[in-house]
Structure formats: C-alpha cells, structure tokens
C-alpha cells in the first residue's frame, strides 16, 4: 500500500477561493474590507519569507494589508505602543507579530497586549481559554489547518484514536484541545507524547491519526505507526539550500518508508505549511465580520 497524499496546497487553494468570494461579497454589500497588520522585528531570513508570504496572500484575497518592519533593537515599550495603535485602527481586523521574536521581547506581554478580537494568531490568554471551553471565535492556525485537512480528505475524526507528538503552545496543546471538543468535527480520544514520554512508539502504534510536531528530522519511522494510519507531519527541518538560495525542508516523519504503511500522509513541503497561512486569513475574515457585527 502506498499512502494517498493529503495536499495542503490543493486544500488551501479551495479555501482561499472560498475566502476570496466572500471578501468580494462583503465589499459589494457592506463596503467591508478585512485588514491584516503584520509586524516583523529584525531581518531573520525565515521570518522575512513567512511575512512576505502572508502579505502576498492577503493582497491576493482582496484584504487590506499593512506591513510594519521594525529594527531588531525595537524596545518592548515601542512595540507595545505600535500594537496599541493597531488595536484602535478600524481598518485593521487582525494583528500578527511574527515569531521568532528577539530575546529582549516578552512574548507573553506582547500576546496579551493584542486586542483579543484582533488576535488572529490565537495567542491571547482569553482566546486560548475560549478554545479550551469550546466557544472560541478563532481557531489556532496550524491546528485548524490540520483539522480542515483531515475533514476535507474524508478522514473520520469522531471516535478516532489521535496521538499528538509534541506539546508546544502553538501546535501540540491547542491541537489536542481542538480535537477533543464535543462536536462533529472532533470527538477524538487524544494522547499527547512529549520529551518525557517513556515509550513514544507504544502510543504512536495505537494511533488512527498521528500528528507529529517534534522538531526532529525523520523522528517517526515506519515501525512506529500501525497499518493504515493517517499521518500528519508538521515538521519543517532545513537540510540545506538550493542553488537559488531556497531552503530545502524535510519533515519529522520518515516519509519514504512511512508512506508505504500509512493510508494517508502529508508531504513536507506542501502539506501543513500552505494551510497555516490560509487559516490565518480565515481568522482575519471572521474578525472583520465580528467587528461589523455580521456574525450570528
């Protein structure tokens, strides 16, 4: 058996077209244009690539896009002042401060300073809490991306054994929360593995759906999954650069061997990555509708 590829590029294209059509309707009917502000501190090459991709996507979808590039030495006070202005700007519905951030920046304070109604990255404690309670306005981008990839690929989440490898605040914890919610797009039984898990393979072999965000190249091997499992690889490990200077990425899963045992699998690149930016845009669209009181 060779696994069916779950293409993040293809699913992202579907959702982006849906967003684009809704933006056109909002403009025509309400003169409403979703606005996304991205803030970048410093000139990290990876961050520059990500922020450029977000800016480009926003414009392609018909959003208003405001990009703010700041020196790496920008102080906490200066950054908070900029966030304060964006919070009050009626043209801006979503605010994103790109990670990684310089060491002198207090991430918790920055996340808490963003208006929860403009927190499209879903890092504000209020929004994190609402996710756990099951009444979130916005879903965290990477977990929401994975959920959509599963649902749109016809994967049965309800009742499934899901094993999440990794417990980060960006992927692991919110992913577990999202999939154990009491609704038809979730209802999974979720196990989280982390660096102190004694026997990771014992758990991963039970998984109907295995989601991996370990940050280790080829960490999951074929002997660690059960026959017919659905495997979602969130890893992005740089193994070199192309002649044009583009980063060469590989995942946390031993793709070539695991795909012969899994029923479905995501590639790296071209899997979760394109979907994450798409869910950011979906959150920004929803934030604009909430601000205009156009949601139920």
Protein backbone atom coordinates (compact mmCIF):
# COMPACT_ATOMS: atom_id res chain seq x y z
CA UNK A 1 0.00 0.00 0.00
CA UNK A 2 1.20 3.49 -0.84
CA UNK A 3 -0.46 6.28 1.10
CA UNK A 4 -2.68 8.86 -0.52
CA UNK A 5 -1.14 12.33 -0.29
CA UNK A 6 -3.07 14.98 1.62
CA UNK A 7 -2.05 18.05 -0.36
CA UNK A 8 -2.05 21.22 1.70
CA UNK A 9 -1.57 23.22 -1.49
CA UNK A 10 -4.75 21.86 -3.06
CA UNK A 11 -6.92 22.23 0.05
CA UNK A 12 -5.50 25.70 0.72
CA UNK A 13 -6.41 26.72 -2.84
CA UNK A 14 -10.01 25.59 -2.26
CA UNK A 15 -10.35 27.54 1.00
CA UNK A 16 -8.64 30.63 -0.41
CA UNK A 17 -11.12 30.70 -3.28
CA UNK A 18 -13.97 30.49 -0.75
CA UNK A 19 -12.44 33.38 1.22
CA UNK A 20 -11.89 35.43 -1.95
CA UNK A 21 -15.54 35.07 -2.96
CA UNK A 22 -16.77 36.05 0.50
CA UNK A 23 -14.48 39.11 0.52
CA UNK A 24 -15.98 40.22 -2.80
CA UNK A 25 -19.47 39.86 -1.33
CA UNK A 26 -18.55 41.82 1.81
CA UNK A 27 -17.10 44.64 -0.29
CA UNK A 28 -20.12 44.80 -2.58
CA UNK A 29 -22.77 44.55 0.15
CA UNK A 30 -21.20 46.29 3.16
CA UNK A 31 -18.10 48.08 1.80
CA UNK A 32 -16.15 45.94 4.28
CA UNK A 33 -12.50 45.05 3.56
CA UNK A 34 -10.73 42.70 6.00
CA UNK A 35 -7.47 44.23 7.21
CA UNK A 36 -4.38 42.36 8.41
CA UNK A 37 -1.37 44.01 10.06
CA UNK A 38 1.89 42.07 10.24
CA UNK A 39 4.74 43.21 12.48
CA UNK A 40 8.30 41.98 11.98
CA UNK A 41 11.25 42.70 14.27
CA UNK A 42 14.65 42.24 12.65
CA UNK A 43 15.57 40.55 9.38
CA UNK A 44 15.61 36.83 10.09
CA UNK A 45 15.55 35.19 6.59
CA UNK A 46 12.91 32.63 7.57
CA UNK A 47 10.71 35.30 9.16
CA UNK A 48 11.08 37.54 6.12
CA UNK A 49 9.93 34.68 3.91
CA UNK A 50 6.93 33.91 6.11
CA UNK A 51 5.85 37.53 6.49
CA UNK A 52 6.18 38.13 2.73
CA UNK A 53 4.03 35.07 2.06
CA UNK A 54 1.34 36.32 4.43
CA UNK A 55 1.40 39.80 2.91
CA UNK A 56 1.17 38.40 -0.63
CA UNK A 57 -1.70 36.06 0.26
CA UNK A 58 -3.64 38.82 1.99
CA UNK A 59 -3.44 41.03 -1.08
CA UNK A 60 -4.40 38.18 -3.41
CA UNK A 61 -7.54 37.59 -1.36
CA UNK A 62 -8.53 41.25 -1.53
CA UNK A 63 -7.56 42.16 2.03
CA UNK A 64 -6.10 45.45 3.16
CA UNK A 65 -2.53 44.58 4.22
CA UNK A 66 -0.33 46.70 6.47
CA UNK A 67 3.23 45.50 6.99
CA UNK A 68 5.36 47.06 9.73
CA UNK A 69 9.08 46.22 9.66
CA UNK A 70 10.95 47.23 12.81
CA UNK A 71 14.64 47.09 13.81
CA UNK A 72 15.58 44.10 15.95
CA UNK A 73 16.55 46.53 18.73
CA UNK A 74 12.99 47.89 18.99
CA UNK A 75 12.11 48.06 22.68
CA UNK A 76 9.22 46.33 24.40
CA UNK A 77 7.67 49.73 25.12
CA UNK A 78 7.91 50.82 21.48
CA UNK A 79 6.39 47.54 20.26
CA UNK A 80 3.50 47.77 22.73
CA UNK A 81 2.83 51.34 21.59
CA UNK A 82 2.56 50.16 17.96
CA UNK A 83 0.22 47.34 18.99
CA UNK A 84 -1.89 49.87 20.88
CA UNK A 85 -2.29 51.96 17.72
CA UNK A 86 -3.23 48.91 15.67
CA UNK A 87 -5.80 47.91 18.28
CA UNK A 88 -7.54 51.25 17.72
CA UNK A 89 -7.25 51.28 13.90
CA UNK A 90 -10.67 50.45 12.39
CA UNK A 91 -9.03 49.33 9.12
CA UNK A 92 -7.15 46.56 10.96
CA UNK A 93 -9.08 43.46 12.00
CA UNK A 94 -6.15 41.10 12.57
CA UNK A 95 -2.75 41.70 14.16
CA UNK A 96 0.21 39.33 13.91
CA UNK A 97 3.63 39.82 15.49
CA UNK A 98 5.88 37.41 13.61
CA UNK A 99 7.85 34.80 15.50
CA UNK A 100 10.60 34.18 16.46
CA UNK A 101 10.93 37.47 18.33
CA UNK A 102 14.17 38.96 19.76
CA UNK A 103 15.15 37.67 23.21
CA UNK A 104 14.52 41.02 24.91
CA UNK A 105 10.85 40.95 23.85
CA UNK A 106 8.46 39.49 26.43
CA UNK A 107 6.23 37.28 24.29
CA UNK A 108 3.56 36.85 26.95
CA UNK A 109 3.17 40.58 27.40
CA UNK A 110 3.02 41.15 23.65
CA UNK A 111 0.40 38.44 23.14
CA UNK A 112 -1.72 39.86 25.97
CA UNK A 113 -1.46 43.40 24.55
CA UNK A 114 -3.21 42.48 21.28
CA UNK A 115 -6.97 43.03 21.37
CA UNK A 116 -8.48 39.51 21.69
CA UNK A 117 -10.88 40.42 18.85
CA UNK A 118 -7.86 41.08 16.60
CA UNK A 119 -5.77 38.15 17.85
CA UNK A 120 -5.88 36.08 14.65
CA UNK A 121 -2.84 34.02 15.70
CA UNK A 122 -4.83 32.95 18.80
CA UNK A 123 -2.11 33.55 21.40
CA UNK A 124 -4.06 35.84 23.75
CA UNK A 125 -4.88 34.08 27.06
CA UNK A 126 -8.57 34.91 26.60
CA UNK A 127 -8.68 33.17 23.22
CA UNK A 128 -6.63 30.22 24.44
CA UNK A 129 -9.10 29.81 27.30
CA UNK A 130 -12.09 30.09 24.99
CA UNK A 131 -10.62 27.34 22.81
CA UNK A 132 -10.44 25.03 25.81
CA UNK A 133 -14.04 25.86 26.76
CA UNK A 134 -15.23 25.20 23.22
CA UNK A 135 -16.56 28.69 22.41
CA UNK A 136 -13.65 30.22 20.51
CA UNK A 137 -14.15 32.98 17.93
CA UNK A 138 -10.88 32.00 16.24
CA UNK A 139 -9.10 28.66 15.99
CA UNK A 140 -5.28 28.50 16.23
CA UNK A 141 -3.91 28.46 12.71
CA UNK A 142 -1.86 25.26 12.50
CA UNK A 143 -4.29 23.07 14.48
CA UNK A 144 -7.23 24.46 12.48
CA UNK A 145 -5.29 23.77 9.28
CA UNK A 146 -4.77 20.14 10.29
CA UNK A 147 -8.42 19.73 11.25
CA UNK A 148 -9.55 21.07 7.87
CA UNK A 149 -7.10 18.84 6.01
CA UNK A 150 -8.50 15.81 7.80
CA UNK A 151 -12.13 16.77 7.29
CA UNK A 152 -11.75 17.72 3.63
CA UNK A 153 -9.87 14.48 2.95
CA UNK A 154 -12.75 12.44 4.36
CA UNK A 155 -10.90 11.27 7.48
CA UNK A 156 -13.15 10.16 10.33
CA UNK A 157 -12.15 12.18 13.42
CA UNK A 158 -15.20 11.33 15.54
CA UNK A 159 -14.21 8.43 17.81
CA UNK A 160 -10.69 8.16 16.39
CA UNK A 161 -7.57 7.48 18.45
CA UNK A 162 -5.38 10.55 17.88
CA UNK A 163 -1.79 10.69 19.06
CA UNK A 164 -0.13 14.10 19.12
CA UNK A 165 3.68 14.06 19.28
CA UNK A 166 4.74 17.42 20.71
CA UNK A 167 3.22 19.67 23.36
CA UNK A 168 4.04 23.19 22.16
CA UNK A 169 1.68 26.09 22.78
CA UNK A 170 1.46 26.64 19.02
CA UNK A 171 0.63 23.09 17.85
CA UNK A 172 0.50 20.29 20.42
CA UNK A 173 -1.65 21.68 23.23
CA UNK A 174 -4.20 23.55 21.07
CA UNK A 175 -4.38 20.60 18.64
CA UNK A 176 -5.34 18.26 21.46
CA UNK A 177 -7.93 20.74 22.74
CA UNK A 178 -9.42 21.20 19.29
CA UNK A 179 -9.85 17.52 18.50
CA UNK A 180 -11.34 16.51 21.85
CA UNK A 181 -14.14 19.11 21.68
CA UNK A 182 -17.70 17.81 21.76
CA UNK A 183 -18.70 18.47 18.15
CA UNK A 184 -18.98 16.58 14.88
CA UNK A 185 -15.62 17.88 13.63
CA UNK A 186 -13.81 16.47 16.67
CA UNK A 187 -14.86 13.96 19.37
CA UNK A 188 -11.49 12.21 19.20
CA UNK A 189 -9.67 10.41 22.01
CA UNK A 190 -6.35 12.27 22.25
CA UNK A 191 -2.98 11.22 23.67
CA UNK A 192 -0.08 13.70 23.85
CA UNK A 193 3.53 12.47 23.73
CA UNK A 194 6.47 14.69 24.66
CA UNK A 195 10.15 14.60 25.60
CA UNK A 196 9.44 12.83 28.90
CA UNK A 197 7.16 10.15 27.43
CA UNK A 198 8.81 6.83 28.27
CA UNK A 199 7.84 4.85 25.17
CA UNK A 200 6.62 7.07 22.34
CA UNK A 201 6.29 4.19 19.88
CA UNK A 202 3.88 2.37 22.23
CA UNK A 203 1.48 5.27 21.83
CA UNK A 204 2.07 6.10 18.17
CA UNK A 205 1.32 2.50 17.15
CA UNK A 206 -2.20 2.91 18.59
CA UNK A 207 -2.98 5.98 16.52
CA UNK A 208 -5.66 6.06 13.86
CA UNK A 209 -4.46 9.63 13.27
CA UNK A 210 -0.85 10.51 14.11
CA UNK A 211 0.12 14.20 14.22
CA UNK A 212 3.83 14.93 14.57
CA UNK A 213 5.37 18.23 15.65
CA UNK A 214 8.56 17.00 17.31
CA UNK A 215 11.10 19.21 15.57
CA UNK A 216 13.33 16.22 14.79
CA UNK A 217 14.18 15.05 11.28
CA UNK A 218 12.71 11.61 10.45
CA UNK A 219 11.77 11.07 14.11
CA UNK A 220 8.78 8.86 13.22
CA UNK A 221 9.78 5.68 11.40
CA UNK A 222 7.60 3.05 9.73
CA UNK A 223 7.81 0.66 12.69
CA UNK A 224 6.24 3.38 14.90
CA UNK A 225 2.88 3.50 13.10
CA UNK A 226 0.11 0.99 12.60
CA UNK A 227 -1.00 -0.20 9.18
CA UNK A 228 -3.44 2.22 7.58
CA UNK A 229 -2.85 5.16 9.93
CA UNK A 230 -3.34 8.76 8.77
CA UNK A 231 -0.08 10.68 9.33
CA UNK A 232 0.13 14.48 9.56
CA UNK A 233 3.70 15.82 9.51
CA UNK A 234 4.03 19.34 10.93
CA UNK A 235 7.83 19.29 10.95
CA UNK A 236 9.95 21.72 8.96
CA UNK A 237 13.61 20.76 9.25
CA UNK A 238 16.06 22.55 6.98
CA UNK A 239 18.55 20.13 5.45
CA UNK A 240 20.22 22.59 3.09
CA UNK A 241 19.61 25.26 0.49
CA UNK A 242 19.03 25.08 -3.24
CA UNK A 243 21.23 26.80 -5.82
CA UNK A 244 18.76 29.70 -5.81
CA UNK A 245 19.08 30.02 -2.03
CA UNK A 246 15.70 28.49 -1.21
CA UNK A 247 15.53 26.42 1.97
CA UNK A 248 15.26 22.65 1.46
CA UNK A 249 12.83 21.26 4.04
CA UNK A 250 12.00 17.79 5.28
CA UNK A 251 9.58 16.67 7.97
CA UNK A 252 9.61 14.86 11.30
CA UNK A 253 8.37 11.70 9.57
CA UNK A 254 10.48 9.27 7.53
CA UNK A 255 8.23 9.96 4.55
CA UNK A 256 9.54 7.43 2.02
CA UNK A 257 9.14 4.45 4.35
CA UNK A 258 6.07 5.59 6.31
CA UNK A 259 4.05 6.26 3.14
CA UNK A 260 4.23 2.54 2.32
CA UNK A 261 2.38 1.73 5.55
CA UNK A 262 0.05 4.69 6.12
CA UNK A 263 -3.29 5.18 4.35
CA UNK A 264 -2.84 8.95 4.05
CA UNK A 265 0.11 11.25 4.67
CA UNK A 266 1.08 14.91 4.29
CA UNK A 267 4.23 15.84 2.37
CA UNK A 268 6.88 18.33 3.51
CA UNK A 269 6.91 20.82 1.93
CA UNK A 270 3.41 21.26 0.50
CA UNK A 271 1.48 19.86 3.44
CA UNK A 272 0.53 21.76 6.57
CA UNK A 273 2.56 24.89 5.70
CA UNK A 274 0.35 26.40 2.98
CA UNK A 275 -2.73 25.67 5.07
CA UNK A 276 -1.49 27.54 8.14
CA UNK A 277 -1.35 30.87 6.30
CA UNK A 278 -4.78 30.15 4.83
CA UNK A 279 -6.31 29.69 8.30
CA UNK A 280 -4.74 32.98 9.38
CA UNK A 281 -6.63 34.63 6.52
CA UNK A 282 -9.84 32.85 7.52
CA UNK A 283 -9.44 34.17 11.07
CA UNK A 284 -8.90 37.70 9.74
CA UNK A 285 -12.04 37.44 7.62
CA UNK A 286 -14.01 36.29 10.65
CA UNK A 287 -12.54 39.11 12.77
CA UNK A 288 -13.73 41.64 10.18
CA UNK A 289 -17.24 40.16 10.26
CA UNK A 290 -17.29 40.20 14.07
CA UNK A 291 -16.20 43.85 14.10
CA UNK A 292 -19.01 44.69 11.67
CA UNK A 293 -21.48 42.59 13.70
CA UNK A 294 -22.15 40.32 10.71
CA UNK A 295 -21.84 37.01 12.56
CA UNK A 296 -24.63 35.15 14.30
